[in-house]
């Protein structure tokens, strides 16, 4: 089976979504997970992912930024993981 993991990182709450190979969302029932955050000062924070609504997971991050983070999920007896590097989002207003 092929899966895709999406991370929407925020300094307050971060959201994780799991998709199948057809990029259809997978319900969060009977799925466990954690978010491992590597901060710039080399601090490592591990946060449990909690089910949110039907297709999402939420983690109370309370981290201003990170150098990288890893999502680890347990699905149907398999361990899935995806790593993400921090990319600063900057929005510019067009004049």
Protein backbone atom coordinates (compact mmCIF):
# COMPACT_ATOMS: atom_id res chain seq x y z
CA UNK A 1 0.00 0.00 0.00
CA UNK A 2 1.14 3.52 -0.76
CA UNK A 3 0.29 6.43 1.52
CA UNK A 4 0.88 10.18 1.53
CA UNK A 5 1.24 12.30 4.66
CA UNK A 6 0.48 16.01 4.69
CA UNK A 7 1.58 18.34 7.49
CA UNK A 8 0.10 21.80 8.08
CA UNK A 9 2.41 23.28 10.70
CA UNK A 10 1.34 26.16 12.91
CA UNK A 11 2.91 27.69 16.00
CA UNK A 12 -0.20 26.77 18.00
CA UNK A 13 -1.79 23.62 16.55
CA UNK A 14 -0.49 21.54 13.67
CA UNK A 15 -2.60 19.24 11.52
CA UNK A 16 -1.69 15.98 9.80
CA UNK A 17 -3.65 14.27 7.03
CA UNK A 18 -3.17 10.77 5.65
CA UNK A 19 -4.07 9.90 2.05
CA UNK A 20 -4.17 6.65 0.09
CA UNK A 21 -2.43 6.10 -3.27
CA UNK A 22 -5.36 7.77 -5.07
CA UNK A 23 -4.89 10.80 -2.78
CA UNK A 24 -8.20 10.17 -1.03
CA UNK A 25 -8.26 11.06 2.68
CA UNK A 26 -8.18 8.17 5.14
CA UNK A 27 -10.39 8.34 8.23
CA UNK A 28 -8.43 8.64 11.47
CA UNK A 29 -10.19 5.72 13.17
CA UNK A 30 -7.79 3.14 14.69
CA UNK A 31 -4.70 5.10 13.58
CA UNK A 32 -2.05 6.30 16.01
CA UNK A 33 0.71 8.79 15.46
CA UNK A 34 3.24 11.24 16.78
CA UNK A 35 5.01 14.37 15.62
CA UNK A 36 8.72 14.69 16.39
CA UNK A 37 9.95 18.29 16.14
CA UNK A 38 13.66 19.15 15.86
CA UNK A 39 14.11 22.77 16.87
CA UNK A 40 16.97 25.06 15.86
CA UNK A 41 18.52 24.85 19.35
CA UNK A 42 18.69 21.02 18.96
CA UNK A 43 15.75 20.48 21.32
CA UNK A 44 13.62 17.52 20.27
CA UNK A 45 9.94 17.54 21.14
CA UNK A 46 7.63 14.54 20.67
CA UNK A 47 3.88 15.19 20.57
CA UNK A 48 1.09 12.63 20.28
CA UNK A 49 -1.27 13.14 17.35
CA UNK A 50 -4.91 13.17 18.39
CA UNK A 51 -7.82 12.44 16.03
CA UNK A 52 -9.54 15.60 14.83
CA UNK A 53 -12.91 15.46 13.08
CA UNK A 54 -12.98 12.54 10.58
CA UNK A 55 -9.84 12.81 8.45
CA UNK A 56 -7.34 14.84 10.45
CA UNK A 57 -4.99 14.61 13.40
CA UNK A 58 -4.00 17.53 15.58
CA UNK A 59 -0.96 18.21 17.74
CA UNK A 60 -0.60 21.16 20.13
CA UNK A 61 2.80 22.27 18.91
CA UNK A 62 3.46 25.60 20.66
CA UNK A 63 6.80 25.83 18.82
CA UNK A 64 7.72 29.02 16.92
CA UNK A 65 9.73 27.24 14.22
CA UNK A 66 11.65 24.07 13.60
CA UNK A 67 14.58 22.88 11.54
CA UNK A 68 12.82 19.63 10.65
CA UNK A 69 10.08 17.38 11.90
CA UNK A 70 8.93 13.83 11.37
CA UNK A 71 5.43 12.40 11.38
CA UNK A 72 5.19 8.74 12.41
CA UNK A 73 1.89 6.89 12.07
CA UNK A 74 0.69 3.36 12.72
CA UNK A 75 -1.75 2.14 10.06
CA UNK A 76 -3.00 -1.46 9.73
CA UNK A 77 0.05 -2.82 11.54
CA UNK A 78 2.46 -0.78 9.39
CA UNK A 79 4.70 2.05 10.51
CA UNK A 80 4.63 5.06 8.17
CA UNK A 81 6.85 8.11 8.42
CA UNK A 82 7.50 11.33 6.55
CA UNK A 83 10.06 14.04 7.26
CA UNK A 84 9.57 17.74 6.60
CA UNK A 85 12.02 20.65 6.55
CA UNK A 86 10.91 24.05 7.77
CA UNK A 87 10.10 26.50 4.99
CA UNK A 88 9.22 30.01 6.03
CA UNK A 89 6.03 31.26 4.43
CA UNK A 90 6.08 34.86 3.34
CA UNK A 91 3.13 36.57 1.74
CA UNK A 92 3.53 39.81 -0.15
CA UNK A 93 0.76 42.26 -0.86
CA UNK A 94 0.62 43.32 -4.47
CA UNK A 95 0.50 47.09 -4.84
